[in-house]
Each structure stands twice: as C-alpha cells, then as structure tokens.
Amino acid sequence: MSASRDQSSEGLSSGAEPLRRYRVSKYRLALVREATISTTWDKRVREPRDVATFLAPLASGLDREHFWTLLLDGRHTLIGLHLVAIGSLTAAVVHPREVFKSAIAGNAAALVLAHSHPSGDPSPSSEDLALTRRLSEVGDLVGIRVLDHVVLGDAGAYCSLADDGLLGRSR
C-alpha cells in the first residue's frame, strides 16, 4: 500500500489531518394506537353529520379549542383520529406539519379536519377559513385530500365548510 492510503485508512487525510467522524441520528417512525373510541356508526364518512356525531362526545363541555384530524382510507372509512392541538378559549395553533404527520404515517388517503368552538357557535372565523385553505393546498401537494372541515358547537350544532362552499373547491 502507498503511504497516502495507509494514512487514510488510519483516519488521516492526504494532508495528514485526522478525518473527523460525525454521528447522524437514525430514526424509525412507528404509529402507535393509544386507545379506541366506541361508536355506533360503521366508520364510513358519508356526510358531515357523521363527523359531528362521532366527535360530539369528545367535544362536549370543552373549555378550550381542540383540533382533530380524521384519517380516512380510499373509501372514506375512518382509520384513525389524531388530536393535533389544544388551544385557548378562542384559538388553537395548528401547523400543516402537525396535521399531515399522522396522515402520512397512517397511510391516509384523505382527511377531515374538525375543531371545537367552546363558545358554542359553530360559525367559522376568518382564521378558520384561512387555515382550511392552507391545509387544503398542502393536502393537494402531498396527495392527501382534505374533504371537509367541520366546526363543532354546542348541543350537536356544527358547520361543514365543504357543504357551505367554503372549502375552496367542491367535495
């Protein structure tokens, strides 16, 4: 072997400086089922009322906004539910990265967004509309379609942004 090869094999570069070794973290992503939620319907999302009925027990009596994603397969069957954020009385910080992390890991074909309004009024705010448009655009980019955004109020009241034509496109 030549002298330069011997130095390289001993951790020396051709300039006789030691080669620096770096460590890079190696990750394994695992989707963990924390629990199950009992329901009386067949888990196939056909209309916004299905989402509102399913989430009503979870949203009842909340004193802060909660934002969920419902993960759906290609036939719009519910395959998972993810609590993305818990906010304040009037807002929850929701970032697309957090919304789509579970959707990608869960192999979702589509999403339904949902969040509670502790005020009891399910009317969407301008912030709700802007967030929905942004998440729909991200969904189109990553290939996971956002089908609806359901805003939950008191006593089973809800608003479907898709039904109200506020999703930015037709379902």
N, C-alpha and C. Protein backbone atom coordinates (compact mmCIF):
# COMPACT_ATOMS: atom_id res chain seq x y z
N MET A 1 0.83 -1.18 0.00
CA MET A 1 0.00 0.00 0.00
C MET A 1 0.87 1.24 0.00
N SER A 2 0.38 2.27 -0.62
CA SER A 2 1.14 3.53 -0.62
C SER A 2 0.96 4.23 0.71
N ALA A 3 1.83 5.19 0.96
CA ALA A 3 1.80 5.92 2.23
C ALA A 3 0.49 6.68 2.41
N SER A 4 -0.04 7.28 1.34
CA SER A 4 -1.28 8.05 1.47
C SER A 4 -2.45 7.14 1.78
N ARG A 5 -2.46 5.96 1.24
CA ARG A 5 -3.53 5.02 1.56
C ARG A 5 -3.44 4.58 3.01
N ASP A 6 -2.24 4.33 3.47
CA ASP A 6 -2.07 3.92 4.86
C ASP A 6 -2.58 5.01 5.79
N GLN A 7 -2.27 6.26 5.49
CA GLN A 7 -2.72 7.36 6.33
C GLN A 7 -4.24 7.46 6.31
N SER A 8 -4.85 7.32 5.12
CA SER A 8 -6.31 7.42 5.00
C SER A 8 -6.98 6.30 5.78
N SER A 9 -6.42 5.12 5.70
CA SER A 9 -7.07 4.01 6.40
C SER A 9 -6.94 4.15 7.91
N GLU A 10 -6.01 4.97 8.38
CA GLU A 10 -5.84 5.20 9.81
C GLU A 10 -6.58 6.46 10.27
N GLY A 11 -7.44 6.99 9.43
CA GLY A 11 -8.19 8.17 9.81
C GLY A 11 -7.48 9.46 9.48
N LEU A 12 -6.47 9.40 8.62
CA LEU A 12 -5.76 10.61 8.23
C LEU A 12 -6.07 10.92 6.78
N SER A 13 -6.26 12.18 6.47
CA SER A 13 -6.47 12.58 5.08
C SER A 13 -5.09 12.73 4.43
N SER A 14 -5.08 13.01 3.16
CA SER A 14 -3.81 13.14 2.46
C SER A 14 -2.99 14.31 2.99
N GLY A 15 -3.63 15.27 3.65
CA GLY A 15 -2.92 16.39 4.25
C GLY A 15 -2.47 16.11 5.66
N ALA A 16 -2.48 14.88 6.09
CA ALA A 16 -2.04 14.42 7.40
C ALA A 16 -2.91 14.96 8.54
N GLU A 17 -4.11 15.46 8.25
CA GLU A 17 -5.04 15.87 9.30
C GLU A 17 -5.98 14.70 9.59
N PRO A 18 -6.33 14.50 10.82
CA PRO A 18 -7.25 13.40 11.14
C PRO A 18 -8.63 13.66 10.53
N LEU A 19 -9.24 12.62 10.01
CA LEU A 19 -10.61 12.74 9.48
C LEU A 19 -11.57 12.85 10.64
N ARG A 20 -12.49 13.76 10.55
CA ARG A 20 -13.49 13.89 11.61
C ARG A 20 -14.62 12.91 11.37
N ARG A 21 -15.04 12.30 12.40
CA ARG A 21 -16.17 11.37 12.34
C ARG A 21 -17.38 12.06 12.96
N TYR A 22 -18.50 11.97 12.29
CA TYR A 22 -19.73 12.56 12.80
C TYR A 22 -20.76 11.46 12.99
N ARG A 23 -21.67 11.72 13.90
CA ARG A 23 -22.75 10.76 14.13
C ARG A 23 -24.03 11.39 13.65
N VAL A 24 -24.81 10.61 12.97
CA VAL A 24 -26.11 11.06 12.46
C VAL A 24 -27.18 10.18 13.08
N SER A 25 -28.21 10.80 13.60
CA SER A 25 -29.29 10.03 14.22
C SER A 25 -30.03 9.22 13.16
N LYS A 26 -30.39 8.04 13.54
CA LYS A 26 -31.16 7.15 12.67
C LYS A 26 -32.53 7.00 13.31
N TYR A 27 -33.59 7.20 12.53
CA TYR A 27 -34.94 7.17 13.06
C TYR A 27 -35.74 6.02 12.48
N ARG A 28 -36.68 5.58 13.27
CA ARG A 28 -37.69 4.62 12.82
C ARG A 28 -39.02 5.22 13.25
N LEU A 29 -39.91 5.41 12.30
CA LEU A 29 -41.20 6.00 12.60
C LEU A 29 -42.19 4.88 12.89
N ALA A 30 -42.88 4.99 14.00
CA ALA A 30 -43.86 3.98 14.37
C ALA A 30 -45.18 4.67 14.71
N LEU A 31 -46.25 4.15 14.22
CA LEU A 31 -47.57 4.65 14.53
C LEU A 31 -48.10 3.80 15.68
N VAL A 32 -48.44 4.45 16.77
CA VAL A 32 -48.86 3.73 17.97
C VAL A 32 -50.33 4.01 18.24
N ARG A 33 -51.11 2.96 18.36
CA ARG A 33 -52.52 3.13 18.70
C ARG A 33 -52.61 3.27 20.21
N GLU A 34 -53.09 4.44 20.64
CA GLU A 34 -53.17 4.72 22.07
C GLU A 34 -54.40 4.10 22.70
N ALA A 35 -55.51 4.13 21.98
CA ALA A 35 -56.77 3.64 22.54
C ALA A 35 -57.76 3.50 21.39
N THR A 36 -58.96 3.10 21.71
CA THR A 36 -60.04 3.07 20.73
C THR A 36 -61.19 3.90 21.27
N ILE A 37 -62.06 4.33 20.36
CA ILE A 37 -63.23 5.11 20.73
C ILE A 37 -64.45 4.34 20.25
N SER A 38 -65.37 4.11 21.14
CA SER A 38 -66.58 3.38 20.79
C SER A 38 -67.53 4.28 20.00
N THR A 39 -68.14 3.72 18.99
CA THR A 39 -69.08 4.46 18.16
C THR A 39 -70.21 3.55 17.70
N THR A 40 -71.31 4.16 17.32
CA THR A 40 -72.46 3.37 16.88
C THR A 40 -72.59 3.34 15.36
N TRP A 41 -71.75 4.03 14.65
CA TRP A 41 -71.84 4.02 13.20
C TRP A 41 -70.72 3.20 12.58
N ASP A 42 -70.82 2.91 11.31
CA ASP A 42 -69.92 1.96 10.65
C ASP A 42 -68.57 2.54 10.22
N LYS A 43 -68.24 3.74 10.68
CA LYS A 43 -66.96 4.40 10.43
C LYS A 43 -66.79 4.89 9.00
N ARG A 44 -67.80 4.79 8.17
CA ARG A 44 -67.72 5.31 6.81
C ARG A 44 -68.25 6.74 6.81
N VAL A 45 -67.40 7.70 6.44
CA VAL A 45 -67.81 9.10 6.44
C VAL A 45 -68.54 9.40 5.13
N ARG A 46 -69.83 9.60 5.25
CA ARG A 46 -70.67 9.89 4.09
C ARG A 46 -71.09 11.36 4.04
N GLU A 47 -71.19 11.95 5.23
CA GLU A 47 -71.63 13.35 5.32
C GLU A 47 -71.08 13.96 6.59
N PRO A 48 -71.09 15.29 6.66
CA PRO A 48 -70.54 15.97 7.84
C PRO A 48 -71.23 15.57 9.15
N ARG A 49 -72.49 15.21 9.09
CA ARG A 49 -73.18 14.79 10.31
C ARG A 49 -72.51 13.57 10.94
N ASP A 50 -71.95 12.69 10.12
CA ASP A 50 -71.22 11.53 10.66
C ASP A 50 -70.06 11.99 11.55
N VAL A 51 -69.33 12.98 11.07
CA VAL A 51 -68.19 13.52 11.81
C VAL A 51 -68.67 14.19 13.09
N ALA A 52 -69.71 15.02 12.97
CA ALA A 52 -70.24 15.73 14.14
C ALA A 52 -70.76 14.76 15.19
N THR A 53 -71.44 13.73 14.76
CA THR A 53 -71.98 12.73 15.69
C THR A 53 -70.85 11.97 16.39
N PHE A 54 -69.84 11.60 15.63
CA PHE A 54 -68.71 10.87 16.18
C PHE A 54 -67.94 11.71 17.21
N LEU A 55 -67.70 12.98 16.90
CA LEU A 55 -66.88 13.83 17.76
C LEU A 55 -67.66 14.51 18.88
N ALA A 56 -68.98 14.51 18.82
CA ALA A 56 -69.78 15.21 19.84
C ALA A 56 -69.41 14.81 21.27
N PRO A 57 -69.26 13.54 21.59
CA PRO A 57 -68.89 13.20 22.97
C PRO A 57 -67.50 13.71 23.36
N LEU A 58 -66.59 13.78 22.41
CA LEU A 58 -65.24 14.27 22.70
C LEU A 58 -65.21 15.80 22.86
N ALA A 59 -66.08 16.48 22.12
CA ALA A 59 -66.07 17.95 22.12
C ALA A 59 -66.98 18.54 23.18
N SER A 60 -67.83 17.74 23.77
CA SER A 60 -68.79 18.24 24.74
C SER A 60 -68.11 18.82 25.98
N GLY A 61 -68.48 20.04 26.30
CA GLY A 61 -68.01 20.66 27.53
C GLY A 61 -66.57 21.13 27.55
N LEU A 62 -65.92 21.16 26.40
CA LEU A 62 -64.53 21.61 26.37
C LEU A 62 -64.45 23.11 26.63
N ASP A 63 -63.46 23.52 27.41
CA ASP A 63 -63.30 24.94 27.69
C ASP A 63 -62.24 25.61 26.82
N ARG A 64 -61.60 24.83 25.95
CA ARG A 64 -60.60 25.33 25.01
C ARG A 64 -60.82 24.67 23.66
N GLU A 65 -60.35 25.33 22.61
CA GLU A 65 -60.47 24.74 21.28
C GLU A 65 -59.60 23.49 21.18
N HIS A 66 -60.16 22.47 20.56
CA HIS A 66 -59.43 21.25 20.24
C HIS A 66 -59.51 21.06 18.73
N PHE A 67 -58.40 20.67 18.11
CA PHE A 67 -58.35 20.49 16.66
C PHE A 67 -57.96 19.05 16.38
N TRP A 68 -58.80 18.35 15.61
CA TRP A 68 -58.58 16.95 15.28
C TRP A 68 -58.44 16.76 13.77
N THR A 69 -57.78 15.68 13.40
CA THR A 69 -57.86 15.20 12.02
C THR A 69 -58.43 13.79 12.06
N LEU A 70 -59.34 13.54 11.17
CA LEU A 70 -59.88 12.20 10.98
C LEU A 70 -59.19 11.62 9.75
N LEU A 71 -58.47 10.54 9.94
CA LEU A 71 -57.74 9.90 8.86
C LEU A 71 -58.65 8.91 8.15
N LEU A 72 -58.72 9.03 6.84
CA LEU A 72 -59.62 8.18 6.06
C LEU A 72 -58.84 7.39 5.02
N ASP A 73 -59.34 6.19 4.72
CA ASP A 73 -58.74 5.41 3.64
C ASP A 73 -59.37 5.84 2.31
N GLY A 74 -59.08 5.13 1.26
CA GLY A 74 -59.58 5.48 -0.07
C GLY A 74 -61.08 5.38 -0.23
N ARG A 75 -61.74 4.65 0.65
CA ARG A 75 -63.20 4.51 0.60
C ARG A 75 -63.89 5.39 1.63
N HIS A 76 -63.13 6.30 2.22
CA HIS A 76 -63.60 7.24 3.23
C HIS A 76 -64.05 6.56 4.52
N THR A 77 -63.40 5.45 4.83
CA THR A 77 -63.62 4.77 6.09
C THR A 77 -62.61 5.32 7.09
N LEU A 78 -63.10 5.64 8.27
CA LEU A 78 -62.25 6.20 9.31
C LEU A 78 -61.24 5.16 9.77
N ILE A 79 -59.95 5.49 9.65
CA ILE A 79 -58.90 4.58 10.08
C ILE A 79 -58.15 5.11 11.29
N GLY A 80 -58.41 6.37 11.64
CA GLY A 80 -57.74 6.92 12.81
C GLY A 80 -58.19 8.33 13.12
N LEU A 81 -57.94 8.72 14.35
CA LEU A 81 -58.26 10.06 14.83
C LEU A 81 -57.02 10.60 15.52
N HIS A 82 -56.67 11.85 15.20
CA HIS A 82 -55.49 12.46 15.80
C HIS A 82 -55.85 13.81 16.38
N LEU A 83 -55.56 14.00 17.66
CA LEU A 83 -55.72 15.30 18.30
C LEU A 83 -54.47 16.10 17.97
N VAL A 84 -54.60 17.09 17.11
CA VAL A 84 -53.47 17.87 16.63
C VAL A 84 -53.07 18.95 17.63
N ALA A 85 -54.07 19.65 18.19
CA ALA A 85 -53.74 20.78 19.06
C ALA A 85 -54.86 21.06 20.04
N ILE A 86 -54.46 21.55 21.20
CA ILE A 86 -55.39 22.08 22.19
C ILE A 86 -54.98 23.53 22.37
N GLY A 87 -55.92 24.44 22.18
CA GLY A 87 -55.60 25.85 22.21
C GLY A 87 -56.16 26.57 23.41
N SER A 88 -56.60 27.77 23.17
CA SER A 88 -57.18 28.61 24.20
C SER A 88 -58.69 28.68 23.99
N LEU A 89 -59.31 29.58 24.65
CA LEU A 89 -60.76 29.75 24.51
C LEU A 89 -61.16 30.08 23.09
N THR A 90 -60.32 30.83 22.37
CA THR A 90 -60.73 31.31 21.05
C THR A 90 -59.81 30.91 19.91
N ALA A 91 -58.76 30.17 20.16
CA ALA A 91 -57.83 29.81 19.09
C ALA A 91 -57.00 28.59 19.46
N ALA A 92 -56.54 27.91 18.43
CA ALA A 92 -55.59 26.80 18.58
C ALA A 92 -54.53 26.97 17.50
N VAL A 93 -53.28 26.84 17.86
CA VAL A 93 -52.19 26.95 16.89
C VAL A 93 -52.09 25.61 16.16
N VAL A 94 -52.33 25.67 14.86
CA VAL A 94 -52.32 24.45 14.04
C VAL A 94 -51.35 24.68 12.88
N HIS A 95 -50.38 23.80 12.76
CA HIS A 95 -49.39 23.90 11.70
C HIS A 95 -49.57 22.72 10.75
N PRO A 96 -49.45 22.95 9.44
CA PRO A 96 -49.61 21.85 8.48
C PRO A 96 -48.72 20.65 8.78
N ARG A 97 -47.53 20.89 9.26
CA ARG A 97 -46.61 19.79 9.58
C ARG A 97 -47.24 18.83 10.57
N GLU A 98 -47.89 19.37 11.60
CA GLU A 98 -48.52 18.54 12.62
C GLU A 98 -49.76 17.84 12.10
N VAL A 99 -50.49 18.51 11.23
CA VAL A 99 -51.70 17.92 10.65
C VAL A 99 -51.36 16.72 9.78
N PHE A 100 -50.36 16.88 8.93
CA PHE A 100 -50.07 15.83 7.95
C PHE A 100 -49.10 14.77 8.43
N LYS A 101 -48.46 14.98 9.56
CA LYS A 101 -47.53 13.98 10.10
C LYS A 101 -48.27 12.65 10.35
N SER A 102 -49.38 12.71 11.06
CA SER A 102 -50.11 11.47 11.35
C SER A 102 -50.78 10.92 10.10
N ALA A 103 -51.20 11.80 9.20
CA ALA A 103 -51.84 11.34 7.97
C ALA A 103 -50.88 10.56 7.09
N ILE A 104 -49.66 11.04 6.99
CA ILE A 104 -48.66 10.35 6.19
C ILE A 104 -48.26 9.04 6.86
N ALA A 105 -47.99 9.09 8.17
CA ALA A 105 -47.60 7.87 8.90
C ALA A 105 -48.73 6.84 8.90
N GLY A 106 -49.97 7.30 8.91
CA GLY A 106 -51.12 6.40 8.94
C GLY A 106 -51.61 5.96 7.58
N ASN A 107 -50.90 6.34 6.52
CA ASN A 107 -51.28 5.98 5.15
C ASN A 107 -52.69 6.43 4.80
N ALA A 108 -53.06 7.61 5.24
CA ALA A 108 -54.39 8.14 4.94
C ALA A 108 -54.45 8.60 3.49
N ALA A 109 -55.59 8.36 2.86
CA ALA A 109 -55.83 8.84 1.51
C ALA A 109 -56.50 10.20 1.54
N ALA A 110 -57.19 10.48 2.63
CA ALA A 110 -57.93 11.74 2.76
C ALA A 110 -58.05 12.10 4.23
N LEU A 111 -58.42 13.35 4.47
CA LEU A 111 -58.61 13.85 5.83
C LEU A 111 -59.92 14.61 5.93
N VAL A 112 -60.47 14.59 7.13
CA VAL A 112 -61.49 15.56 7.50
C VAL A 112 -60.93 16.29 8.71
N LEU A 113 -60.93 17.60 8.63
CA LEU A 113 -60.48 18.44 9.73
C LEU A 113 -61.68 18.73 10.61
N ALA A 114 -61.46 18.87 11.89
CA ALA A 114 -62.56 19.22 12.80
C ALA A 114 -61.99 19.96 13.99
N HIS A 115 -62.75 20.92 14.47
CA HIS A 115 -62.35 21.56 15.72
C HIS A 115 -63.57 22.09 16.45
N SER A 116 -63.39 22.29 17.74
CA SER A 116 -64.48 22.73 18.60
C SER A 116 -64.42 24.24 18.79
N HIS A 117 -65.59 24.82 18.97
CA HIS A 117 -65.70 26.22 19.37
C HIS A 117 -66.34 26.23 20.75
N PRO A 118 -65.56 26.48 21.80
CA PRO A 118 -66.12 26.48 23.15
C PRO A 118 -67.25 27.49 23.36
N SER A 119 -67.32 28.51 22.51
CA SER A 119 -68.41 29.49 22.61
C SER A 119 -69.76 28.85 22.32
N GLY A 120 -69.74 27.71 21.63
CA GLY A 120 -70.97 27.04 21.25
C GLY A 120 -71.47 27.40 19.87
N ASP A 121 -70.94 28.47 19.30
CA ASP A 121 -71.33 28.92 17.96
C ASP A 121 -70.40 28.28 16.94
N PRO A 122 -70.91 27.42 16.05
CA PRO A 122 -70.05 26.73 15.10
C PRO A 122 -69.69 27.55 13.85
N SER A 123 -70.05 28.81 13.83
CA SER A 123 -69.73 29.64 12.66
C SER A 123 -68.21 29.77 12.53
N PRO A 124 -67.68 29.52 11.33
CA PRO A 124 -66.22 29.59 11.16
C PRO A 124 -65.73 31.04 11.19
N SER A 125 -64.56 31.22 11.78
CA SER A 125 -63.93 32.54 11.81
C SER A 125 -63.12 32.74 10.53
N SER A 126 -62.65 33.94 10.31
CA SER A 126 -61.79 34.19 9.15
C SER A 126 -60.49 33.38 9.27
N GLU A 127 -60.00 33.21 10.50
CA GLU A 127 -58.81 32.38 10.73
C GLU A 127 -59.08 30.92 10.37
N ASP A 128 -60.28 30.43 10.70
CA ASP A 128 -60.66 29.05 10.35
C ASP A 128 -60.63 28.86 8.83
N LEU A 129 -61.16 29.84 8.12
CA LEU A 129 -61.23 29.76 6.66
C LEU A 129 -59.82 29.80 6.04
N ALA A 130 -58.97 30.69 6.55
CA ALA A 130 -57.61 30.79 6.03
C ALA A 130 -56.82 29.51 6.30
N LEU A 131 -56.96 28.96 7.50
CA LEU A 131 -56.28 27.71 7.83
C LEU A 131 -56.76 26.57 6.95
N THR A 132 -58.05 26.50 6.71
CA THR A 132 -58.61 25.43 5.88
C THR A 132 -58.07 25.51 4.46
N ARG A 133 -58.02 26.71 3.90
CA ARG A 133 -57.46 26.88 2.55
C ARG A 133 -56.00 26.43 2.52
N ARG A 134 -55.23 26.82 3.52
CA ARG A 134 -53.82 26.45 3.56
C ARG A 134 -53.64 24.94 3.67
N LEU A 135 -54.41 24.32 4.56
CA LEU A 135 -54.29 22.86 4.73
C LEU A 135 -54.76 22.12 3.49
N SER A 136 -55.76 22.64 2.79
CA SER A 136 -56.21 22.02 1.53
C SER A 136 -55.11 22.08 0.48
N GLU A 137 -54.42 23.21 0.41
CA GLU A 137 -53.31 23.35 -0.54
C GLU A 137 -52.18 22.37 -0.22
N VAL A 138 -51.85 22.25 1.06
CA VAL A 138 -50.80 21.31 1.46
C VAL A 138 -51.24 19.88 1.15
N GLY A 139 -52.50 19.58 1.43
CA GLY A 139 -53.02 18.25 1.12
C GLY A 139 -52.92 17.92 -0.36
N ASP A 140 -53.25 18.89 -1.21
CA ASP A 140 -53.12 18.68 -2.65
C ASP A 140 -51.66 18.42 -3.02
N LEU A 141 -50.76 19.13 -2.37
CA LEU A 141 -49.33 18.98 -2.66
C LEU A 141 -48.81 17.59 -2.27
N VAL A 142 -49.22 17.09 -1.11
CA VAL A 142 -48.70 15.79 -0.65
C VAL A 142 -49.58 14.61 -1.06
N GLY A 143 -50.70 14.88 -1.72
CA GLY A 143 -51.55 13.80 -2.22
C GLY A 143 -52.51 13.23 -1.19
N ILE A 144 -52.86 14.02 -0.19
CA ILE A 144 -53.85 13.61 0.80
C ILE A 144 -54.94 14.68 0.80
N ARG A 145 -56.06 14.35 0.24
CA ARG A 145 -57.12 15.34 0.02
C ARG A 145 -57.85 15.69 1.31
N VAL A 146 -58.05 16.98 1.52
CA VAL A 146 -58.86 17.46 2.64
C VAL A 146 -60.29 17.53 2.14
N LEU A 147 -61.15 16.66 2.68
CA LEU A 147 -62.53 16.57 2.21
C LEU A 147 -63.45 17.60 2.84
N ASP A 148 -63.18 17.96 4.09
CA ASP A 148 -64.08 18.88 4.79
C ASP A 148 -63.38 19.41 6.04
N HIS A 149 -63.94 20.46 6.57
CA HIS A 149 -63.55 20.98 7.87
C HIS A 149 -64.85 21.22 8.62
N VAL A 150 -65.05 20.47 9.68
CA VAL A 150 -66.28 20.54 10.46
C VAL A 150 -65.98 21.30 11.75
N VAL A 151 -66.75 22.36 11.98
CA VAL A 151 -66.61 23.15 13.21
C VAL A 151 -67.75 22.76 14.13
N LEU A 152 -67.41 22.35 15.34
CA LEU A 152 -68.38 21.83 16.29
C LEU A 152 -68.78 22.89 17.31
N GLY A 153 -70.07 23.01 17.55
CA GLY A 153 -70.59 23.93 18.56
C GLY A 153 -71.27 23.15 19.66
N ASP A 154 -72.20 23.79 20.34
CA ASP A 154 -72.95 23.15 21.44
C ASP A 154 -74.12 22.33 20.92
N ALA A 155 -74.53 21.36 21.72
CA ALA A 155 -75.75 20.58 21.51
C ALA A 155 -75.87 20.01 20.10
N GLY A 156 -74.78 19.51 19.57
CA GLY A 156 -74.81 18.87 18.26
C GLY A 156 -74.78 19.83 17.09
N ALA A 157 -74.69 21.12 17.34
CA ALA A 157 -74.60 22.10 16.25
C ALA A 157 -73.22 21.98 15.59
N TYR A 158 -73.18 22.12 14.29
CA TYR A 158 -71.93 22.07 13.57
C TYR A 158 -72.05 22.85 12.26
N CYS A 159 -70.90 23.14 11.68
CA CYS A 159 -70.83 23.80 10.39
C CYS A 159 -69.85 23.01 9.53
N SER A 160 -70.25 22.67 8.33
CA SER A 160 -69.38 22.00 7.37
C SER A 160 -68.92 23.02 6.34
N LEU A 161 -67.62 23.27 6.30
CA LEU A 161 -67.12 24.24 5.34
C LEU A 161 -67.30 23.75 3.91
N ALA A 162 -67.24 22.44 3.69
CA ALA A 162 -67.47 21.91 2.35
C ALA A 162 -68.93 22.12 1.92
N ASP A 163 -69.86 21.80 2.79
CA ASP A 163 -71.27 21.98 2.44
C ASP A 163 -71.62 23.44 2.22
N ASP A 164 -70.95 24.33 2.94
CA ASP A 164 -71.22 25.77 2.80
C ASP A 164 -70.42 26.40 1.67
N GLY A 165 -69.68 25.59 0.91
CA GLY A 165 -68.89 26.10 -0.21
C GLY A 165 -67.68 26.91 0.20
N LEU A 166 -67.19 26.70 1.42
CA LEU A 166 -66.09 27.50 1.95
C LEU A 166 -64.76 26.73 1.97
N LEU A 167 -64.76 25.56 1.40
CA LEU A 167 -63.53 24.74 1.40
C LEU A 167 -62.57 25.17 0.31
N GLY A 168 -63.08 25.90 -0.65
CA GLY A 168 -62.22 26.32 -1.75
C GLY A 168 -62.42 25.51 -3.01
N ARG A 169 -63.11 24.42 -2.90
CA ARG A 169 -63.45 23.58 -4.06
C ARG A 169 -64.58 22.66 -3.65
N SER A 170 -65.15 21.99 -4.61
CA SER A 170 -66.26 21.07 -4.29
C SER A 170 -65.71 19.76 -3.75
N ARG A 171 -66.53 19.08 -2.95
CA ARG A 171 -66.12 17.79 -2.41
C ARG A 171 -66.12 16.83 -3.51
